[in-house]
């Protein structure tokens, strides 16, 4: 009767335990929970991808606006130069002053439009990055929040001793 030692009873208990787990559907429950977590992560990734695509679309839109402002500026400069060629020789000094002022105004307008476009893109990019970081941190804290808190408590305890 040597085969009826503790190892045999442990094997029988393990088989019974596994049988009860299968009977009560524990693997199915765990699988369902894992599937929900996988779907949540996939949804978060899809949302982050959508936000990134929106930011890229905004960047393209502002690049077009900047190009249109440059074209408009080029048209204004060309009109000013044509006007200058028709003026008389006596008015050339005054005309040069007018062209310089208009050029500075157009360049200021271009600089303002470009600065505004860059600021809006940066702001949107920052919002997207903050949202993505929030999603990742929320997910990480929901998965490992207890471990992180336990580790922090242990660190504080070791530093106080």
N, C-alpha and C. Protein backbone atom coordinates (compact mmCIF):
# COMPACT_ATOMS: atom_id res chain seq x y z
N UNK A 1 0.79 -1.19 0.00
CA UNK A 1 0.00 0.00 0.00
C UNK A 1 0.85 1.28 0.00
N UNK A 2 2.01 1.16 -0.55
CA UNK A 2 2.87 2.32 -0.63
C UNK A 2 2.35 3.34 -1.63
N UNK A 3 1.60 2.90 -2.60
CA UNK A 3 1.11 3.83 -3.61
C UNK A 3 0.02 4.74 -3.06
N UNK A 4 -0.50 4.46 -1.90
CA UNK A 4 -1.51 5.33 -1.28
C UNK A 4 -0.87 6.35 -0.33
N UNK A 5 0.17 6.94 -0.79
CA UNK A 5 0.82 7.96 0.04
C UNK A 5 0.21 9.34 -0.25
N UNK A 6 0.82 10.38 0.29
CA UNK A 6 0.29 11.74 0.15
C UNK A 6 0.23 12.21 -1.30
N UNK A 7 1.16 11.78 -2.14
CA UNK A 7 1.17 12.19 -3.55
C UNK A 7 -0.09 11.72 -4.26
N UNK A 8 -0.52 10.50 -3.97
CA UNK A 8 -1.74 9.99 -4.60
C UNK A 8 -2.94 10.83 -4.20
N UNK A 9 -3.05 11.15 -2.90
CA UNK A 9 -4.18 11.94 -2.42
C UNK A 9 -4.13 13.36 -3.01
N UNK A 10 -2.93 13.90 -3.17
CA UNK A 10 -2.79 15.23 -3.78
C UNK A 10 -3.25 15.18 -5.24
N UNK A 11 -2.90 14.10 -5.96
CA UNK A 11 -3.32 13.94 -7.35
C UNK A 11 -4.84 13.84 -7.44
N UNK A 12 -5.44 13.05 -6.57
CA UNK A 12 -6.89 12.89 -6.58
C UNK A 12 -7.57 14.24 -6.27
N UNK A 13 -7.03 14.98 -5.30
CA UNK A 13 -7.60 16.28 -4.95
C UNK A 13 -7.48 17.25 -6.12
N UNK A 14 -6.34 17.23 -6.83
CA UNK A 14 -6.13 18.10 -7.98
C UNK A 14 -7.13 17.77 -9.10
N UNK A 15 -7.33 16.49 -9.38
CA UNK A 15 -8.27 16.08 -10.42
C UNK A 15 -9.69 16.52 -10.04
N UNK A 16 -10.04 16.37 -8.77
CA UNK A 16 -11.38 16.79 -8.33
C UNK A 16 -11.51 18.31 -8.44
N UNK A 17 -10.49 19.03 -8.03
CA UNK A 17 -10.51 20.50 -8.11
C UNK A 17 -10.67 20.95 -9.56
N UNK A 18 -9.88 20.38 -10.46
CA UNK A 18 -9.98 20.75 -11.88
C UNK A 18 -11.35 20.38 -12.44
N UNK A 19 -11.87 19.26 -12.05
CA UNK A 19 -13.20 18.85 -12.49
C UNK A 19 -14.27 19.83 -12.03
N UNK A 20 -14.18 20.29 -10.78
CA UNK A 20 -15.14 21.26 -10.26
C UNK A 20 -15.02 22.59 -11.01
N UNK A 21 -13.78 23.01 -11.33
CA UNK A 21 -13.60 24.26 -12.07
C UNK A 21 -14.26 24.16 -13.44
N UNK A 22 -14.08 23.03 -14.12
CA UNK A 22 -14.69 22.85 -15.43
C UNK A 22 -16.21 22.78 -15.28
N UNK A 23 -16.69 22.09 -14.26
CA UNK A 23 -18.12 21.94 -14.05
C UNK A 23 -18.80 23.30 -13.82
N UNK A 24 -18.17 24.16 -13.03
CA UNK A 24 -18.74 25.48 -12.74
C UNK A 24 -18.41 26.50 -13.82
N UNK A 25 -17.69 26.15 -14.85
CA UNK A 25 -17.44 27.04 -15.99
C UNK A 25 -16.42 28.13 -15.72
N UNK A 26 -15.50 27.92 -14.84
CA UNK A 26 -14.49 28.93 -14.52
C UNK A 26 -13.65 29.29 -15.76
N UNK A 27 -13.22 28.32 -16.57
CA UNK A 27 -12.43 28.72 -17.77
C UNK A 27 -13.23 29.63 -18.71
N UNK A 28 -14.53 29.38 -18.85
CA UNK A 28 -15.36 30.21 -19.71
C UNK A 28 -15.49 31.63 -19.13
N UNK A 29 -15.62 31.74 -17.83
CA UNK A 29 -15.73 33.04 -17.18
C UNK A 29 -14.43 33.82 -17.35
N UNK A 30 -13.32 33.16 -17.10
CA UNK A 30 -12.01 33.82 -17.24
C UNK A 30 -11.80 34.23 -18.70
N UNK A 31 -12.17 33.35 -19.63
CA UNK A 31 -12.05 33.68 -21.05
C UNK A 31 -12.90 34.88 -21.43
N UNK A 32 -14.10 34.94 -20.87
CA UNK A 32 -14.98 36.09 -21.14
C UNK A 32 -14.38 37.38 -20.61
N UNK A 33 -13.82 37.33 -19.42
CA UNK A 33 -13.19 38.53 -18.86
C UNK A 33 -12.00 38.97 -19.70
N UNK A 34 -11.21 38.00 -20.14
CA UNK A 34 -10.06 38.34 -20.99
C UNK A 34 -10.53 38.92 -22.33
N UNK A 35 -11.58 38.36 -22.89
CA UNK A 35 -12.11 38.90 -24.15
C UNK A 35 -12.59 40.34 -23.98
N UNK A 36 -13.24 40.63 -22.85
CA UNK A 36 -13.69 42.01 -22.60
C UNK A 36 -12.51 42.96 -22.52
N UNK A 37 -11.45 42.54 -21.82
CA UNK A 37 -10.27 43.40 -21.69
C UNK A 37 -9.60 43.60 -23.04
N UNK A 38 -9.53 42.55 -23.84
CA UNK A 38 -8.94 42.65 -25.18
C UNK A 38 -9.76 43.62 -26.03
N UNK A 39 -11.08 43.55 -25.95
CA UNK A 39 -11.94 44.44 -26.73
C UNK A 39 -11.76 45.89 -26.28
N UNK A 40 -11.63 46.09 -24.95
CA UNK A 40 -11.42 47.44 -24.44
C UNK A 40 -10.11 48.02 -24.97
N UNK A 41 -9.08 47.24 -24.96
CA UNK A 41 -7.78 47.71 -25.47
C UNK A 41 -7.89 47.99 -26.96
N UNK A 42 -8.55 47.14 -27.70
CA UNK A 42 -8.71 47.36 -29.14
C UNK A 42 -9.50 48.64 -29.40
N UNK A 43 -10.53 48.88 -28.60
CA UNK A 43 -11.31 50.13 -28.75
C UNK A 43 -10.46 51.35 -28.44
N UNK A 44 -9.65 51.26 -27.39
CA UNK A 44 -8.76 52.37 -27.04
C UNK A 44 -7.77 52.64 -28.16
N UNK A 45 -7.22 51.59 -28.73
CA UNK A 45 -6.27 51.76 -29.84
C UNK A 45 -6.96 52.38 -31.06
N UNK A 46 -8.18 51.95 -31.33
CA UNK A 46 -8.91 52.52 -32.46
C UNK A 46 -9.20 53.99 -32.23
N UNK A 47 -9.55 54.34 -31.00
CA UNK A 47 -9.82 55.74 -30.68
C UNK A 47 -8.56 56.58 -30.83
N UNK A 48 -7.44 56.06 -30.35
CA UNK A 48 -6.17 56.77 -30.48
C UNK A 48 -5.79 56.94 -31.95
N UNK A 49 -6.04 55.92 -32.75
CA UNK A 49 -5.74 56.01 -34.18
C UNK A 49 -6.62 57.08 -34.84
N UNK A 50 -7.88 57.10 -34.46
CA UNK A 50 -8.79 58.11 -35.01
C UNK A 50 -8.34 59.51 -34.65
N UNK A 51 -7.95 59.70 -33.39
CA UNK A 51 -7.47 61.01 -32.96
C UNK A 51 -6.21 61.41 -33.70
N UNK A 52 -5.33 60.45 -33.94
CA UNK A 52 -4.10 60.73 -34.68
C UNK A 52 -4.43 61.13 -36.12
N UNK A 53 -5.38 60.43 -36.74
CA UNK A 53 -5.78 60.76 -38.10
C UNK A 53 -6.42 62.15 -38.17
N UNK A 54 -7.20 62.49 -37.15
CA UNK A 54 -7.80 63.83 -37.12
C UNK A 54 -6.72 64.90 -37.02
N UNK A 55 -5.71 64.64 -36.20
CA UNK A 55 -4.61 65.60 -36.06
C UNK A 55 -3.86 65.75 -37.38
N UNK A 56 -3.65 64.62 -38.07
CA UNK A 56 -2.96 64.69 -39.36
C UNK A 56 -3.81 65.47 -40.37
N UNK A 57 -5.12 65.27 -40.35
CA UNK A 57 -6.00 66.00 -41.26
C UNK A 57 -5.97 67.50 -40.95
N UNK A 58 -5.95 67.84 -39.68
CA UNK A 58 -5.86 69.26 -39.30
C UNK A 58 -4.54 69.87 -39.77
N UNK A 59 -3.47 69.11 -39.65
CA UNK A 59 -2.18 69.60 -40.10
C UNK A 59 -2.20 69.87 -41.60
N UNK A 60 -2.77 68.95 -42.37
CA UNK A 60 -2.86 69.14 -43.83
C UNK A 60 -3.71 70.37 -44.14
N UNK A 61 -4.82 70.51 -43.42
CA UNK A 61 -5.71 71.66 -43.65
C UNK A 61 -4.98 72.98 -43.39
N UNK A 62 -4.22 73.05 -42.31
CA UNK A 62 -3.50 74.27 -42.01
C UNK A 62 -2.35 74.52 -42.97
N UNK A 63 -1.76 73.47 -43.48
CA UNK A 63 -0.72 73.64 -44.50
C UNK A 63 -1.35 74.25 -45.77
N UNK A 64 -2.54 73.80 -46.13
CA UNK A 64 -3.24 74.38 -47.29
C UNK A 64 -3.58 75.85 -47.05
N UNK A 65 -4.02 76.14 -45.84
CA UNK A 65 -4.35 77.53 -45.52
C UNK A 65 -3.10 78.41 -45.60
N UNK A 66 -1.98 77.88 -45.13
CA UNK A 66 -0.73 78.64 -45.19
C UNK A 66 -0.31 78.85 -46.64
N UNK A 67 -0.45 77.82 -47.47
CA UNK A 67 -0.11 77.97 -48.89
C UNK A 67 -1.02 78.98 -49.57
N UNK A 68 -2.31 78.97 -49.23
CA UNK A 68 -3.24 79.93 -49.81
C UNK A 68 -2.87 81.35 -49.38
N UNK A 69 -2.46 81.51 -48.12
CA UNK A 69 -2.05 82.83 -47.66
C UNK A 69 -0.80 83.30 -48.40
N UNK A 70 0.13 82.39 -48.67
CA UNK A 70 1.32 82.76 -49.44
C UNK A 70 0.96 83.14 -50.87
N UNK A 71 0.02 82.41 -51.48
CA UNK A 71 -0.43 82.76 -52.84
C UNK A 71 -1.10 84.13 -52.85
N UNK A 72 -1.92 84.37 -51.84
CA UNK A 72 -2.58 85.67 -51.74
C UNK A 72 -1.54 86.78 -51.57
N UNK A 73 -0.55 86.50 -50.75
CA UNK A 73 0.52 87.48 -50.55
C UNK A 73 1.28 87.73 -51.85
N UNK A 74 1.54 86.66 -52.60
CA UNK A 74 2.23 86.82 -53.88
C UNK A 74 1.39 87.65 -54.84
N UNK A 75 0.09 87.45 -54.84
CA UNK A 75 -0.80 88.25 -55.70
C UNK A 75 -0.81 89.71 -55.30
N UNK A 76 -0.83 89.96 -54.00
CA UNK A 76 -0.81 91.35 -53.52
C UNK A 76 0.51 92.03 -53.91
N UNK A 77 1.61 91.30 -53.75
CA UNK A 77 2.92 91.87 -54.10
C UNK A 77 2.99 92.15 -55.60
N UNK A 78 2.48 91.24 -56.42
CA UNK A 78 2.49 91.44 -57.87
C UNK A 78 1.65 92.66 -58.26
N UNK A 79 0.50 92.82 -57.61
CA UNK A 79 -0.35 93.98 -57.90
C UNK A 79 0.35 95.28 -57.51
N UNK A 80 1.03 95.25 -56.40
CA UNK A 80 1.74 96.45 -55.96
C UNK A 80 2.87 96.80 -56.92
N UNK A 81 3.56 95.79 -57.44
CA UNK A 81 4.65 96.05 -58.38
C UNK A 81 4.12 96.59 -59.71
N UNK A 82 2.99 96.08 -60.18
CA UNK A 82 2.39 96.58 -61.42
C UNK A 82 1.96 98.03 -61.27
N UNK A 83 1.39 98.35 -60.14
CA UNK A 83 0.98 99.72 -59.85
C UNK A 83 2.20 100.65 -59.83
N UNK A 84 3.29 100.17 -59.29
CA UNK A 84 4.51 100.98 -59.21
C UNK A 84 5.09 101.27 -60.59
N UNK A 85 4.97 100.30 -61.52
CA UNK A 85 5.53 100.51 -62.86
C UNK A 85 4.75 101.56 -63.65
N UNK A 86 3.47 101.80 -63.31
CA UNK A 86 2.65 102.79 -64.01
C UNK A 86 2.79 104.20 -63.46
N UNK A 87 3.34 104.33 -62.31
CA UNK A 87 3.46 105.66 -61.71
C UNK A 87 4.61 106.44 -62.37
N UNK A 88 4.58 107.70 -62.25
CA UNK A 88 5.59 108.58 -62.84
C UNK A 88 6.88 108.53 -62.05
N UNK A 89 7.92 109.02 -62.65
CA UNK A 89 9.24 109.01 -62.03
C UNK A 89 9.27 109.84 -60.76
N UNK A 90 8.51 110.90 -60.69
CA UNK A 90 8.49 111.77 -59.50
C UNK A 90 7.87 111.10 -58.30
N UNK A 91 6.98 110.10 -58.54
CA UNK A 91 6.29 109.45 -57.44
C UNK A 91 6.97 108.14 -57.02
N UNK A 92 8.11 107.84 -57.61
CA UNK A 92 8.78 106.57 -57.31
C UNK A 92 9.22 106.47 -55.85
N UNK A 93 9.65 107.53 -55.27
CA UNK A 93 10.07 107.49 -53.86
C UNK A 93 8.87 107.15 -52.97
N UNK A 94 7.75 107.81 -53.20
CA UNK A 94 6.55 107.54 -52.41
C UNK A 94 6.03 106.13 -52.66
N UNK A 95 6.15 105.69 -53.91
CA UNK A 95 5.68 104.35 -54.26
C UNK A 95 6.52 103.28 -53.58
N UNK A 96 7.82 103.47 -53.53
CA UNK A 96 8.69 102.50 -52.87
C UNK A 96 8.30 102.38 -51.40
N UNK A 97 7.97 103.49 -50.77
CA UNK A 97 7.53 103.47 -49.38
C UNK A 97 6.23 102.70 -49.23
N UNK A 98 5.28 102.91 -50.16
CA UNK A 98 3.99 102.21 -50.13
C UNK A 98 4.18 100.70 -50.28
N UNK A 99 5.02 100.31 -51.25
CA UNK A 99 5.25 98.88 -51.49
C UNK A 99 5.90 98.23 -50.26
N UNK A 100 6.84 98.92 -49.67
CA UNK A 100 7.50 98.37 -48.49
C UNK A 100 6.51 98.17 -47.34
N UNK A 101 5.61 99.15 -47.14
CA UNK A 101 4.62 99.01 -46.07
C UNK A 101 3.67 97.86 -46.35
N UNK A 102 3.22 97.75 -47.60
CA UNK A 102 2.30 96.64 -47.94
C UNK A 102 3.00 95.29 -47.81
N UNK A 103 4.25 95.23 -48.22
CA UNK A 103 4.98 93.97 -48.11
C UNK A 103 5.12 93.56 -46.65
N UNK A 104 5.46 94.54 -45.80
CA UNK A 104 5.57 94.23 -44.37
C UNK A 104 4.22 93.78 -43.80
N UNK A 105 3.16 94.44 -44.23
CA UNK A 105 1.83 94.07 -43.74
C UNK A 105 1.47 92.65 -44.18
N UNK A 106 1.77 92.33 -45.43
CA UNK A 106 1.47 90.98 -45.94
C UNK A 106 2.33 89.95 -45.23
N UNK A 107 3.60 90.26 -45.03
CA UNK A 107 4.48 89.33 -44.33
C UNK A 107 4.02 89.14 -42.89
N UNK A 108 3.56 90.21 -42.27
CA UNK A 108 3.02 90.09 -40.91
C UNK A 108 1.77 89.21 -40.91
N UNK A 109 0.93 89.41 -41.94
CA UNK A 109 -0.28 88.60 -42.05
C UNK A 109 0.06 87.13 -42.24
N UNK A 110 1.05 86.87 -43.10
CA UNK A 110 1.49 85.49 -43.32
C UNK A 110 2.06 84.91 -42.04
N UNK A 111 2.88 85.67 -41.35
CA UNK A 111 3.49 85.20 -40.10
C UNK A 111 2.41 84.92 -39.06
N UNK A 112 1.40 85.80 -38.99
CA UNK A 112 0.32 85.58 -38.03
C UNK A 112 -0.48 84.33 -38.38
N UNK A 113 -0.78 84.16 -39.68
CA UNK A 113 -1.56 82.98 -40.10
C UNK A 113 -0.77 81.71 -39.84
N UNK A 114 0.52 81.74 -40.13
CA UNK A 114 1.34 80.55 -39.91
C UNK A 114 1.47 80.25 -38.41
N UNK A 115 1.67 81.29 -37.61
CA UNK A 115 1.78 81.09 -36.17
C UNK A 115 0.47 80.56 -35.60
N UNK A 116 -0.65 81.08 -36.09
CA UNK A 116 -1.95 80.60 -35.62
C UNK A 116 -2.15 79.13 -36.01
N UNK A 117 -1.79 78.80 -37.25
CA UNK A 117 -1.96 77.41 -37.71
C UNK A 117 -1.08 76.47 -36.89
N UNK A 118 0.16 76.86 -36.66
CA UNK A 118 1.07 76.02 -35.88
C UNK A 118 0.55 75.87 -34.45
N UNK A 119 0.07 76.97 -33.87
CA UNK A 119 -0.45 76.92 -32.50
C UNK A 119 -1.67 76.01 -32.41
N UNK A 120 -2.55 76.09 -33.39
CA UNK A 120 -3.75 75.24 -33.36
C UNK A 120 -3.37 73.77 -33.52
N UNK A 121 -2.43 73.49 -34.42
CA UNK A 121 -2.00 72.09 -34.61
C UNK A 121 -1.32 71.58 -33.35
N UNK A 122 -0.48 72.41 -32.73
CA UNK A 122 0.20 71.99 -31.50
C UNK A 122 -0.81 71.75 -30.39
N UNK A 123 -1.79 72.63 -30.30
CA UNK A 123 -2.81 72.47 -29.25
C UNK A 123 -3.60 71.18 -29.47
N UNK A 124 -3.97 70.92 -30.69
CA UNK A 124 -4.72 69.69 -30.98
C UNK A 124 -3.84 68.47 -30.74
N UNK A 125 -2.58 68.55 -31.14
CA UNK A 125 -1.66 67.44 -30.91
C UNK A 125 -1.48 67.20 -29.42
N UNK A 126 -1.38 68.27 -28.65
CA UNK A 126 -1.24 68.13 -27.20
C UNK A 126 -2.49 67.48 -26.61
N UNK A 127 -3.68 67.90 -27.08
CA UNK A 127 -4.93 67.29 -26.60
C UNK A 127 -4.95 65.81 -26.93
N UNK A 128 -4.53 65.46 -28.14
CA UNK A 128 -4.52 64.05 -28.56
C UNK A 128 -3.54 63.26 -27.70
N UNK A 129 -2.35 63.83 -27.47
CA UNK A 129 -1.34 63.14 -26.66
C UNK A 129 -1.82 62.98 -25.22
N UNK A 130 -2.46 64.02 -24.68
CA UNK A 130 -2.96 63.94 -23.31
C UNK A 130 -4.05 62.87 -23.22
N UNK A 131 -4.93 62.84 -24.18
CA UNK A 131 -6.00 61.83 -24.18
C UNK A 131 -5.43 60.43 -24.29
N UNK A 132 -4.44 60.24 -25.18
CA UNK A 132 -3.83 58.92 -25.33
C UNK A 132 -3.10 58.52 -24.05
N UNK A 133 -2.39 59.46 -23.43
CA UNK A 133 -1.68 59.17 -22.17
C UNK A 133 -2.69 58.83 -21.07
N UNK A 134 -3.80 59.58 -21.04
CA UNK A 134 -4.82 59.30 -20.03
C UNK A 134 -5.38 57.89 -20.21
N UNK A 135 -5.64 57.52 -21.44
CA UNK A 135 -6.17 56.18 -21.70
C UNK A 135 -5.17 55.10 -21.29
N UNK A 136 -3.90 55.31 -21.65
CA UNK A 136 -2.88 54.32 -21.31
C UNK A 136 -2.70 54.24 -19.80
N UNK A 137 -2.65 55.40 -19.10
CA UNK A 137 -2.47 55.40 -17.66
C UNK A 137 -3.69 54.79 -16.95
N UNK A 138 -4.87 55.10 -17.44
CA UNK A 138 -6.08 54.52 -16.86
C UNK A 138 -6.06 53.02 -16.98
N UNK A 139 -5.70 52.55 -18.15
CA UNK A 139 -5.64 51.11 -18.38
C UNK A 139 -4.56 50.47 -17.51
N UNK A 140 -3.40 51.09 -17.43
CA UNK A 140 -2.28 50.55 -16.64
C UNK A 140 -2.65 50.54 -15.16
N UNK A 141 -3.30 51.60 -14.67
CA UNK A 141 -3.67 51.65 -13.26
C UNK A 141 -4.76 50.63 -12.95
N UNK A 142 -5.66 50.40 -13.92
CA UNK A 142 -6.70 49.41 -13.67
C UNK A 142 -6.11 48.01 -13.64
N UNK A 143 -5.03 47.79 -14.38
CA UNK A 143 -4.42 46.45 -14.41
C UNK A 143 -3.41 46.26 -13.28
N UNK A 144 -2.59 47.26 -13.03
CA UNK A 144 -1.50 47.07 -12.07
C UNK A 144 -1.50 48.11 -10.97
N UNK A 145 -2.63 48.76 -10.73
CA UNK A 145 -2.68 49.81 -9.74
C UNK A 145 -2.32 49.32 -8.34
N UNK A 146 -2.82 48.14 -7.98
CA UNK A 146 -2.52 47.59 -6.65
C UNK A 146 -1.05 47.31 -6.48
N UNK A 147 -0.42 46.77 -7.49
CA UNK A 147 1.02 46.47 -7.42
C UNK A 147 1.82 47.76 -7.26
N UNK A 148 1.44 48.79 -8.00
CA UNK A 148 2.18 50.06 -7.94
C UNK A 148 2.04 50.67 -6.55
N UNK A 149 0.84 50.65 -5.98
CA UNK A 149 0.62 51.20 -4.64
C UNK A 149 1.40 50.40 -3.61
N UNK A 150 1.36 49.06 -3.71
CA UNK A 150 2.11 48.21 -2.78
C UNK A 150 3.60 48.50 -2.85
N UNK A 151 4.12 48.64 -4.05
CA UNK A 151 5.54 48.94 -4.23
C UNK A 151 5.88 50.30 -3.63
N UNK A 152 5.00 51.30 -3.82
CA UNK A 152 5.24 52.63 -3.25
C UNK A 152 5.22 52.58 -1.73
N UNK A 153 4.31 51.82 -1.15
CA UNK A 153 4.25 51.69 0.30
C UNK A 153 5.50 51.02 0.84
N UNK A 154 5.96 49.99 0.13
CA UNK A 154 7.20 49.31 0.53
C UNK A 154 8.39 50.25 0.45
N UNK A 155 8.44 51.08 -0.59
CA UNK A 155 9.54 52.05 -0.73
C UNK A 155 9.52 53.05 0.42
N UNK A 156 8.34 53.54 0.76
CA UNK A 156 8.24 54.52 1.84
C UNK A 156 8.65 53.86 3.15
N UNK A 157 8.20 52.61 3.37
CA UNK A 157 8.56 51.89 4.60
C UNK A 157 10.06 51.68 4.71
N UNK A 158 10.70 51.34 3.60
CA UNK A 158 12.14 51.10 3.65
C UNK A 158 12.92 52.41 3.83
N UNK A 159 12.39 53.52 3.34
CA UNK A 159 13.09 54.81 3.50
C UNK A 159 12.89 55.38 4.90
N UNK A 160 11.81 55.02 5.56
CA UNK A 160 11.56 55.51 6.91
C UNK A 160 12.37 54.73 7.95
N UNK A 161 12.69 53.48 7.63
CA UNK A 161 13.43 52.64 8.60
C UNK A 161 14.90 52.90 8.55
